[in-house]
Amino acid sequence: MKSNSYYGFFRNFANKTKMAIITVLMDGPMNATDIAEILGEEQSKISHNLNKLAHCHVLEVRQEGKNRIYSLNKETVMPMLKIVEKHIESHCKGARCIE
């Protein structure tokens, strides 16, 4: 059923930790240690969520020496986030859209 696929995909964006990771990576690629430091979270928690995001291909991962470098999927996720930003700027001004 298609709705289950949508639910699984968008669940990544509904989770506060995963969305915080996505937001941080909008500034550019980085490793788990840097993301954990920026978010003030345990690296194990960040790594767990990074693996889930990578499994769904929300993130791209490349190896640099001993580090895994994470970035947003440029083909699908980045364009989607740009559309969301445009929507927010046009339609979500004011407190009614923010909880």
PDB file of N, CA and C in Angstrom:
ATOM      1  N   MET A   1       0.846  -1.178   0.000  1.00  0.00           N
ATOM      2  CA  MET A   1       0.000   0.000   0.000  1.00  0.00           C
ATOM      3  C   MET A   1       0.892   1.242   0.000  1.00  0.00           C
ATOM      4  N   LYS A   2       0.593   2.170  -0.879  1.00  0.00           N
ATOM      5  CA  LYS A   2       1.410   3.364  -1.039  1.00  0.00           C
ATOM      6  C   LYS A   2       1.441   4.229   0.218  1.00  0.00           C
ATOM      7  N   SER A   3       0.324   4.302   0.934  1.00  0.00           N
ATOM      8  CA  SER A   3       0.291   5.168   2.116  1.00  0.00           C
ATOM      9  C   SER A   3       1.298   4.717   3.166  1.00  0.00           C
ATOM     10  N   ASN A   4       1.574   3.416   3.258  1.00  0.00           N
ATOM     11  CA  ASN A   4       2.584   2.930   4.207  1.00  0.00           C
ATOM     12  C   ASN A   4       3.976   3.422   3.819  1.00  0.00           C
ATOM     13  N   SER A   5       4.246   3.469   2.518  1.00  0.00           N
ATOM     14  CA  SER A   5       5.538   3.964   2.056  1.00  0.00           C
ATOM     15  C   SER A   5       5.690   5.445   2.378  1.00  0.00           C
ATOM     16  N   TYR A   6       4.625   6.215   2.137  1.00  0.00           N
ATOM     17  CA  TYR A   6       4.651   7.640   2.467  1.00  0.00           C
ATOM     18  C   TYR A   6       4.844   7.832   3.963  1.00  0.00           C
ATOM     19  N   TYR A   7       4.115   7.051   4.747  1.00  0.00           N
ATOM     20  CA  TYR A   7       4.228   7.155   6.203  1.00  0.00           C
ATOM     21  C   TYR A   7       5.664   6.877   6.642  1.00  0.00           C
ATOM     22  N   GLY A   8       6.250   5.808   6.118  1.00  0.00           N
ATOM     23  CA  GLY A   8       7.626   5.457   6.486  1.00  0.00           C
ATOM     24  C   GLY A   8       8.607   6.548   6.111  1.00  0.00           C
ATOM     25  N   PHE A   9       8.418   7.131   4.932  1.00  0.00           N
ATOM     26  CA  PHE A   9       9.320   8.196   4.483  1.00  0.00           C
ATOM     27  C   PHE A   9       9.154   9.451   5.331  1.00  0.00           C
ATOM     28  N   PHE A  10       7.932   9.929   5.492  1.00  0.00           N
ATOM     29  CA  PHE A  10       7.708  11.186   6.206  1.00  0.00           C
ATOM     30  C   PHE A  10       7.889  11.060   7.713  1.00  0.00           C
ATOM     31  N   ARG A  11       7.866   9.849   8.230  1.00  0.00           N
ATOM     32  CA  ARG A  11       8.135   9.641   9.657  1.00  0.00           C
ATOM     33  C   ARG A  11       9.537  10.157  10.001  1.00  0.00           C
ATOM     34  N   ASN A  12      10.461  10.077   9.044  1.00  0.00           N
ATOM     35  CA  ASN A  12      11.807  10.610   9.258  1.00  0.00           C
ATOM     36  C   ASN A  12      11.779  12.103   9.553  1.00  0.00           C
ATOM     37  N   PHE A  13      10.860  12.820   8.949  1.00  0.00           N
ATOM     38  CA  PHE A  13      10.781  14.268   9.109  1.00  0.00           C
ATOM     39  C   PHE A  13       9.948  14.666  10.317  1.00  0.00           C
ATOM     40  N   ALA A  14       9.172  13.730  10.860  1.00  0.00           N
ATOM     41  CA  ALA A  14       8.348  14.014  12.033  1.00  0.00           C
ATOM     42  C   ALA A  14       9.109  13.784  13.340  1.00  0.00           C
ATOM     43  N   ASN A  15      10.196  13.042  13.274  1.00  0.00           N
ATOM     44  CA  ASN A  15      11.013  12.766  14.449  1.00  0.00           C
ATOM     45  C   ASN A  15      11.928  13.964  14.716  1.00  0.00           C
ATOM     46  N   LYS A  16      11.880  14.496  15.941  1.00  0.00           N
ATOM     47  CA  LYS A  16      12.632  15.718  16.257  1.00  0.00           C
ATOM     48  C   LYS A  16      14.136  15.562  16.051  1.00  0.00           C
ATOM     49  N   THR A  17      14.695  14.448  16.477  1.00  0.00           N
ATOM     50  CA  THR A  17      16.137  14.250  16.324  1.00  0.00           C
ATOM     51  C   THR A  17      16.517  14.132  14.857  1.00  0.00           C
ATOM     52  N   LYS A  18      15.760  13.342  14.111  1.00  0.00           N
ATOM     53  CA  LYS A  18      16.062  13.182  12.689  1.00  0.00           C
ATOM     54  C   LYS A  18      15.904  14.502  11.943  1.00  0.00           C
ATOM     55  N   MET A  19      14.870  15.262  12.277  1.00  0.00           N
ATOM     56  CA  MET A  19      14.674  16.548  11.610  1.00  0.00           C
ATOM     57  C   MET A  19      15.782  17.524  11.985  1.00  0.00           C
ATOM     58  N   ALA A  20      16.256  17.468  13.211  1.00  0.00           N
ATOM     59  CA  ALA A  20      17.375  18.321  13.620  1.00  0.00           C
ATOM     60  C   ALA A  20      18.628  17.962  12.819  1.00  0.00           C
ATOM     61  N   ILE A  21      18.858  16.680  12.608  1.00  0.00           N
ATOM     62  CA  ILE A  21      19.998  16.230  11.805  1.00  0.00           C
ATOM     63  C   ILE A  21      19.861  16.749  10.373  1.00  0.00           C
ATOM     64  N   ILE A  22      18.677  16.602   9.806  1.00  0.00           N
ATOM     65  CA  ILE A  22      18.417  17.068   8.442  1.00  0.00           C
ATOM     66  C   ILE A  22      18.670  18.567   8.349  1.00  0.00           C
ATOM     67  N   THR A  23      18.202  19.301   9.327  1.00  0.00           N
ATOM     68  CA  THR A  23      18.383  20.756   9.338  1.00  0.00           C
ATOM     69  C   THR A  23      19.864  21.129   9.407  1.00  0.00           C
ATOM     70  N   VAL A  24      20.619  20.449  10.253  1.00  0.00           N
ATOM     71  CA  VAL A  24      22.060  20.704  10.355  1.00  0.00           C
ATOM     72  C   VAL A  24      22.752  20.413   9.024  1.00  0.00           C
ATOM     73  N   LEU A  25      22.368  19.324   8.379  1.00  0.00           N
ATOM     74  CA  LEU A  25      23.006  18.941   7.120  1.00  0.00           C
ATOM     75  C   LEU A  25      22.608  19.829   5.952  1.00  0.00           C
ATOM     76  N   MET A  26      21.623  20.682   6.131  1.00  0.00           N
ATOM     77  CA  MET A  26      21.284  21.654   5.091  1.00  0.00           C
ATOM     78  C   MET A  26      22.443  22.626   4.904  1.00  0.00           C
ATOM     79  N   ASP A  27      23.301  22.772   5.932  1.00  0.00           N
ATOM     80  CA  ASP A  27      24.474  23.643   5.840  1.00  0.00           C
ATOM     81  C   ASP A  27      25.657  22.974   5.157  1.00  0.00           C
ATOM     82  N   GLY A  28      25.575  21.665   4.937  1.00  0.00           N
ATOM     83  CA  GLY A  28      26.653  20.962   4.252  1.00  0.00           C
ATOM     84  C   GLY A  28      26.980  19.641   4.914  1.00  0.00           C
ATOM     85  N   PRO A  29      27.778  18.813   4.232  1.00  0.00           N
ATOM     86  CA  PRO A  29      28.144  17.487   4.735  1.00  0.00           C
ATOM     87  C   PRO A  29      28.973  17.561   6.015  1.00  0.00           C
ATOM     88  N   MET A  30      28.801  16.552   6.863  1.00  0.00           N
ATOM     89  CA  MET A  30      29.627  16.430   8.080  1.00  0.00           C
ATOM     90  C   MET A  30      29.517  15.038   8.657  1.00  0.00           C
ATOM     91  N   ASN A  31      30.392  14.764   9.618  1.00  0.00           N
ATOM     92  CA  ASN A  31      30.395  13.449  10.251  1.00  0.00           C
ATOM     93  C   ASN A  31      29.523  13.445  11.511  1.00  0.00           C
ATOM     94  N   ALA A  32      29.318  12.259  12.072  1.00  0.00           N
ATOM     95  CA  ALA A  32      28.442  12.090  13.229  1.00  0.00           C
ATOM     96  C   ALA A  32      28.925  12.884  14.446  1.00  0.00           C
ATOM     97  N   THR A  33      30.228  12.935  14.652  1.00  0.00           N
ATOM     98  CA  THR A  33      30.775  13.670  15.798  1.00  0.00           C
ATOM     99  C   THR A  33      30.421  15.151  15.726  1.00  0.00           C
ATOM    100  N   ASP A  34      30.588  15.732  14.555  1.00  0.00           N
ATOM    101  CA  ASP A  34      30.268  17.159  14.383  1.00  0.00           C
ATOM    102  C   ASP A  34      28.774  17.418  14.564  1.00  0.00           C
ATOM    103  N   ILE A  35      27.952  16.541  14.023  1.00  0.00           N
ATOM    104  CA  ILE A  35      26.499  16.695  14.158  1.00  0.00           C
ATOM    105  C   ILE A  35      26.102  16.595  15.624  1.00  0.00           C
ATOM    106  N   ALA A  36      26.631  15.606  16.335  1.00  0.00           N
ATOM    107  CA  ALA A  36      26.323  15.418  17.756  1.00  0.00           C
ATOM    108  C   ALA A  36      26.735  16.637  18.569  1.00  0.00           C
ATOM    109  N   GLU A  37      27.891  17.189  18.257  1.00  0.00           N
ATOM    110  CA  GLU A  37      28.381  18.372  18.969  1.00  0.00           C
ATOM    111  C   GLU A  37      27.463  19.573  18.724  1.00  0.00           C
ATOM    112  N   ILE A  38      27.087  19.797  17.490  1.00  0.00           N
ATOM    113  CA  ILE A  38      26.209  20.922  17.161  1.00  0.00           C
ATOM    114  C   ILE A  38      24.855  20.785  17.854  1.00  0.00           C
ATOM    115  N   LEU A  39      24.319  19.561  17.881  1.00  0.00           N
ATOM    116  CA  LEU A  39      22.994  19.345  18.472  1.00  0.00           C
ATOM    117  C   LEU A  39      23.026  19.127  19.987  1.00  0.00           C
ATOM    118  N   GLY A  40      24.229  18.945  20.536  1.00  0.00           N
ATOM    119  CA  GLY A  40      24.335  18.708  21.976  1.00  0.00           C
ATOM    120  C   GLY A  40      23.727  17.383  22.394  1.00  0.00           C
ATOM    121  N   GLU A  41      23.892  16.374  21.549  1.00  0.00           N
ATOM    122  CA  GLU A  41      23.338  15.037  21.812  1.00  0.00           C
ATOM    123  C   GLU A  41      24.468  14.023  21.872  1.00  0.00           C
ATOM    124  N   GLU A  42      24.172  12.860  22.450  1.00  0.00           N
ATOM    125  CA  GLU A  42      25.134  11.767  22.481  1.00  0.00           C
ATOM    126  C   GLU A  42      25.391  11.277  21.060  1.00  0.00           C
ATOM    127  N   GLN A  43      26.639  10.966  20.760  1.00  0.00           N
ATOM    128  CA  GLN A  43      26.977  10.507  19.413  1.00  0.00           C
ATOM    129  C   GLN A  43      26.256   9.209  19.067  1.00  0.00           C
ATOM    130  N   SER A  44      26.063   8.328  20.059  1.00  0.00           N
ATOM    131  CA  SER A  44      25.382   7.056  19.777  1.00  0.00           C
ATOM    132  C   SER A  44      23.945   7.297  19.305  1.00  0.00           C
ATOM    133  N   LYS A  45      23.270   8.261  19.909  1.00  0.00           N
ATOM    134  CA  LYS A  45      21.899   8.601  19.503  1.00  0.00           C
ATOM    135  C   LYS A  45      21.890   9.165  18.081  1.00  0.00           C
ATOM    136  N   ILE A  46      22.837  10.038  17.787  1.00  0.00           N
ATOM    137  CA  ILE A  46      22.937  10.635  16.450  1.00  0.00           C
ATOM    138  C   ILE A  46      23.269   9.556  15.423  1.00  0.00           C
ATOM    139  N   SER A  47      24.228   8.695  15.730  1.00  0.00           N
ATOM    140  CA  SER A  47      24.617   7.632  14.807  1.00  0.00           C
ATOM    141  C   SER A  47      23.451   6.692  14.501  1.00  0.00           C
ATOM    142  N   HIS A  48      22.688   6.364  15.524  1.00  0.00           N
ATOM    143  CA  HIS A  48      21.508   5.511  15.349  1.00  0.00           C
ATOM    144  C   HIS A  48      20.529   6.147  14.360  1.00  0.00           C
ATOM    145  N   ASN A  49      20.266   7.428  14.537  1.00  0.00           N
ATOM    146  CA  ASN A  49      19.337   8.132  13.654  1.00  0.00           C
ATOM    147  C   ASN A  49      19.924   8.356  12.262  1.00  0.00           C
ATOM    148  N   LEU A  50      21.222   8.592  12.173  1.00  0.00           N
ATOM    149  CA  LEU A  50      21.876   8.726  10.867  1.00  0.00           C
ATOM    150  C   LEU A  50      21.740   7.438  10.061  1.00  0.00           C
ATOM    151  N   ASN A  51      21.911   6.302  10.729  1.00  0.00           N
ATOM    152  CA  ASN A  51      21.781   5.015  10.034  1.00  0.00           C
ATOM    153  C   ASN A  51      20.376   4.822   9.484  1.00  0.00           C
ATOM    154  N   LYS A  52      19.370   5.195  10.256  1.00  0.00           N
ATOM    155  CA  LYS A  52      17.987   5.072   9.783  1.00  0.00           C
ATOM    156  C   LYS A  52      17.730   5.999   8.598  1.00  0.00           C
ATOM    157  N   LEU A  53      18.237   7.227   8.670  1.00  0.00           N
ATOM    158  CA  LEU A  53      18.062   8.177   7.567  1.00  0.00           C
ATOM    159  C   LEU A  53      18.800   7.708   6.313  1.00  0.00           C
ATOM    160  N   ALA A  54      19.973   7.136   6.495  1.00  0.00           N
ATOM    161  CA  ALA A  54      20.740   6.633   5.360  1.00  0.00           C
ATOM    162  C   ALA A  54      20.051   5.412   4.749  1.00  0.00           C
ATOM    163  N   HIS A  55      19.484   4.569   5.592  1.00  0.00           N
ATOM    164  CA  HIS A  55      18.783   3.379   5.102  1.00  0.00           C
ATOM    165  C   HIS A  55      17.620   3.753   4.182  1.00  0.00           C
ATOM    166  N   CYS A  56      16.944   4.847   4.485  1.00  0.00           N
ATOM    167  CA  CYS A  56      15.820   5.330   3.659  1.00  0.00           C
ATOM    168  C   CYS A  56      16.292   6.230   2.521  1.00  0.00           C
ATOM    169  N   HIS A  57      17.596   6.399   2.394  1.00  0.00           N
ATOM    170  CA  HIS A  57      18.199   7.239   1.351  1.00  0.00           C
ATOM    171  C   HIS A  57      17.810   8.709   1.473  1.00  0.00           C
ATOM    172  N   VAL A  58      17.465   9.126   2.687  1.00  0.00           N
ATOM    173  CA  VAL A  58      17.297  10.558   2.957  1.00  0.00           C
ATOM    174  C   VAL A  58      18.682  11.192   2.938  1.00  0.00           C
ATOM    175  N   LEU A  59      19.660  10.421   3.383  1.00  0.00           N
ATOM    176  CA  LEU A  59      21.049  10.881   3.414  1.00  0.00           C
ATOM    177  C   LEU A  59      21.913  10.061   2.470  1.00  0.00           C
ATOM    178  N   GLU A  60      22.962  10.698   1.987  1.00  0.00           N
ATOM    179  CA  GLU A  60      24.021  10.019   1.257  1.00  0.00           C
ATOM    180  C   GLU A  60      25.201   9.896   2.202  1.00  0.00           C
ATOM    181  N   VAL A  61      25.958   8.824   2.068  1.00  0.00           N
ATOM    182  CA  VAL A  61      27.096   8.576   2.959  1.00  0.00           C
ATOM    183  C   VAL A  61      28.322   8.254   2.109  1.00  0.00           C
ATOM    184  N   ARG A  62      29.440   8.878   2.465  1.00  0.00           N
ATOM    185  CA  ARG A  62      30.702   8.536   1.814  1.00  0.00           C
ATOM    186  C   ARG A  62      31.760   8.342   2.907  1.00  0.00           C
ATOM    187  N   GLN A  63      32.696   7.480   2.627  1.00  0.00           N
ATOM    188  CA  GLN A  63      33.772   7.182   3.564  1.00  0.00           C
ATOM    189  C   GLN A  63      34.950   8.097   3.266  1.00  0.00           C
ATOM    190  N   GLU A  64      35.476   8.739   4.315  1.00  0.00           N
ATOM    191  CA  GLU A  64      36.697   9.549   4.226  1.00  0.00           C
ATOM    192  C   GLU A  64      37.626   9.075   5.331  1.00  0.00           C
ATOM    193  N   GLY A  65      38.533   8.199   4.988  1.00  0.00           N
ATOM    194  CA  GLY A  65      39.392   7.609   6.014  1.00  0.00           C
ATOM    195  C   GLY A  65      38.539   6.795   6.967  1.00  0.00           C
ATOM    196  N   LYS A  66      38.634   7.118   8.259  1.00  0.00           N
ATOM    197  CA  LYS A  66      37.830   6.418   9.268  1.00  0.00           C
ATOM    198  C   LYS A  66      36.451   7.053   9.456  1.00  0.00           C
ATOM    199  N   ASN A  67      36.227   8.204   8.856  1.00  0.00           N
ATOM    200  CA  ASN A  67      34.966   8.935   9.040  1.00  0.00           C
ATOM    201  C   ASN A  67      33.961   8.630   7.950  1.00  0.00           C
ATOM    202  N   ARG A  68      32.717   8.565   8.374  1.00  0.00           N
ATOM    203  CA  ARG A  68      31.602   8.508   7.430  1.00  0.00           C
ATOM    204  C   ARG A  68      31.063   9.932   7.353  1.00  0.00           C
ATOM    205  N   ILE A  69      30.975  10.453   6.162  1.00  0.00           N
ATOM    206  CA  ILE A  69      30.502  11.815   5.945  1.00  0.00           C
ATOM    207  C   ILE A  69      29.084  11.740   5.393  1.00  0.00           C
ATOM    208  N   TYR A  70      28.186  12.428   6.072  1.00  0.00           N
ATOM    209  CA  TYR A  70      26.768  12.403   5.724  1.00  0.00           C
ATOM    210  C   TYR A  70      26.380  13.699   5.026  1.00  0.00           C
ATOM    211  N   SER A  71      25.515  13.572   4.018  1.00  0.00           N
ATOM    212  CA  SER A  71      24.954  14.734   3.339  1.00  0.00           C
ATOM    213  C   SER A  71      23.523  14.391   2.930  1.00  0.00           C
ATOM    214  N   LEU A  72      22.745  15.419   2.654  1.00  0.00           N
ATOM    215  CA  LEU A  72      21.370  15.208   2.225  1.00  0.00           C
ATOM    216  C   LEU A  72      21.349  14.671   0.799  1.00  0.00           C
ATOM    217  N   ASN A  73      20.391  13.829   0.505  1.00  0.00           N
ATOM    218  CA  ASN A  73      20.216  13.298  -0.835  1.00  0.00           C
ATOM    219  C   ASN A  73      19.910  14.467  -1.777  1.00  0.00           C
ATOM    220  N   LYS A  74      20.840  14.727  -2.691  1.00  0.00           N
ATOM    221  CA  LYS A  74      20.726  15.891  -3.581  1.00  0.00           C
ATOM    222  C   LYS A  74      19.652  15.716  -4.653  1.00  0.00           C
ATOM    223  N   GLU A  75      19.376  14.479  -5.013  1.00  0.00           N
ATOM    224  CA  GLU A  75      18.426  14.214  -6.099  1.00  0.00           C
ATOM    225  C   GLU A  75      16.969  14.392  -5.669  1.00  0.00           C
ATOM    226  N   THR A  76      16.647  13.982  -4.441  1.00  0.00           N
ATOM    227  CA  THR A  76      15.243  14.007  -4.015  1.00  0.00           C
ATOM    228  C   THR A  76      14.974  14.872  -2.786  1.00  0.00           C
ATOM    229  N   VAL A  77      15.783  14.720  -1.748  1.00  0.00           N
ATOM    230  CA  VAL A  77      15.496  15.392  -0.478  1.00  0.00           C
ATOM    231  C   VAL A  77      15.760  16.896  -0.560  1.00  0.00           C
ATOM    232  N   MET A  78      16.890  17.278  -1.137  1.00  0.00           N
ATOM    233  CA  MET A  78      17.187  18.721  -1.246  1.00  0.00           C
ATOM    234  C   MET A  78      16.105  19.469  -2.028  1.00  0.00           C
ATOM    235  N   PRO A  79      15.679  18.979  -3.205  1.00  0.00           N
ATOM    236  CA  PRO A  79      14.599  19.685  -3.908  1.00  0.00           C
ATOM    237  C   PRO A  79      13.302  19.741  -3.098  1.00  0.00           C
ATOM    238  N   MET A  80      12.997  18.649  -2.378  1.00  0.00           N
ATOM    239  CA  MET A  80      11.782  18.637  -1.553  1.00  0.00           C
ATOM    240  C   MET A  80      11.868  19.691  -0.450  1.00  0.00           C
ATOM    241  N   LEU A  81      13.032  19.806   0.196  1.00  0.00           N
ATOM    242  CA  LEU A  81      13.198  20.799   1.262  1.00  0.00           C
ATOM    243  C   LEU A  81      13.091  22.220   0.718  1.00  0.00           C
ATOM    244  N   LYS A  82      13.569  22.438  -0.492  1.00  0.00           N
ATOM    245  CA  LYS A  82      13.435  23.763  -1.112  1.00  0.00           C
ATOM    246  C   LYS A  82      11.967  24.093  -1.368  1.00  0.00           C
ATOM    247  N   ILE A  83      11.182  23.111  -1.788  1.00  0.00           N
ATOM    248  CA  ILE A  83       9.745  23.312  -1.990  1.00  0.00           C
ATOM    249  C   ILE A  83       9.066  23.612  -0.657  1.00  0.00           C
ATOM    250  N   VAL A  84       9.453  22.888   0.387  1.00  0.00           N
ATOM    251  CA  VAL A  84       8.882  23.124   1.717  1.00  0.00           C
ATOM    252  C   VAL A  84       9.223  24.538   2.194  1.00  0.00           C
ATOM    253  N   GLU A  85      10.473  24.961   1.998  1.00  0.00           N
ATOM    254  CA  GLU A  85      10.864  26.326   2.378  1.00  0.00           C
ATOM    255  C   GLU A  85      10.015  27.359   1.658  1.00  0.00           C
ATOM    256  N   LYS A  86       9.800  27.152   0.369  1.00  0.00           N
ATOM    257  CA  LYS A  86       8.981  28.069  -0.424  1.00  0.00           C
ATOM    258  C   LYS A  86       7.548  28.103   0.117  1.00  0.00           C
ATOM    259  N   HIS A  87       7.028  26.940   0.450  1.00  0.00           N
ATOM    260  CA  HIS A  87       5.678  26.866   1.015  1.00  0.00           C
ATOM    261  C   HIS A  87       5.598  27.620   2.343  1.00  0.00           C
ATOM    262  N   ILE A  88       6.576  27.403   3.199  1.00  0.00           N
ATOM    263  CA  ILE A  88       6.595  28.074   4.507  1.00  0.00           C
ATOM    264  C   ILE A  88       6.645  29.587   4.337  1.00  0.00           C
ATOM    265  N   GLU A  89       7.521  30.044   3.449  1.00  0.00           N
ATOM    266  CA  GLU A  89       7.643  31.490   3.221  1.00  0.00           C
ATOM    267  C   GLU A  89       6.352  32.089   2.688  1.00  0.00           C
ATOM    268  N   SER A  90       5.632  31.357   1.868  1.00  0.00           N
ATOM    269  CA  SER A  90       4.406  31.873   1.248  1.00  0.00           C
ATOM    270  C   SER A  90       3.160  31.693   2.111  1.00  0.00           C
ATOM    271  N   HIS A  91       3.111  30.612   2.879  1.00  0.00           N
ATOM    272  CA  HIS A  91       1.847  30.252   3.523  1.00  0.00           C
ATOM    273  C   HIS A  91       1.894  30.079   5.035  1.00  0.00           C
ATOM    274  N   CYS A  92       3.058  30.116   5.628  1.00  0.00           N
ATOM    275  CA  CYS A  92       3.147  29.814   7.060  1.00  0.00           C
ATOM    276  C   CYS A  92       3.725  30.971   7.858  1.00  0.00           C
ATOM    277  N   LYS A  93       3.317  32.161   7.533  1.00  0.00           N
ATOM    278  CA  LYS A  93       3.755  33.296   8.313  1.00  0.00           C
ATOM    279  C   LYS A  93       2.778  33.494   9.459  1.00  0.00           C
ATOM    280  N   GLY A  94       3.314  33.488  10.628  1.00  0.00           N
ATOM    281  CA  GLY A  94       2.454  33.643  11.805  1.00  0.00           C
ATOM    282  C   GLY A  94       2.444  32.394  12.649  1.00  0.00           C
ATOM    283  N   ALA A  95       1.909  32.526  13.819  1.00  0.00           N
ATOM    284  CA  ALA A  95       1.946  31.461  14.820  1.00  0.00           C
ATOM    285  C   ALA A  95       1.040  30.284  14.475  1.00  0.00           C
ATOM    286  N   ARG A  96       0.051  30.454  13.611  1.00  0.00           N
ATOM    287  CA  ARG A  96      -0.889  29.355  13.376  1.00  0.00           C
ATOM    288  C   ARG A  96      -0.242  28.125  12.737  1.00  0.00           C
ATOM    289  N   CYS A  97       0.881  28.283  12.075  1.00  0.00           N
ATOM    290  CA  CYS A  97       1.562  27.149  11.453  1.00  0.00           C
ATOM    291  C   CYS A  97       2.622  26.534  12.347  1.00  0.00           C
ATOM    292  N   ILE A  98       2.937  27.176  13.436  1.00  0.00           N
ATOM    293  CA  ILE A  98       4.002  26.708  14.325  1.00  0.00           C
ATOM    294  C   ILE A  98       3.388  26.211  15.619  1.00  0.00           C
ATOM    295  N   GLU A  99       3.779  25.030  16.018  1.00  0.00           N
ATOM    296  CA  GLU A  99       3.276  24.473  17.277  1.00  0.00           C
ATOM    297  C   GLU A  99       4.362  24.460  18.300  1.00  0.00           C
TER     298      GLU A  99
END
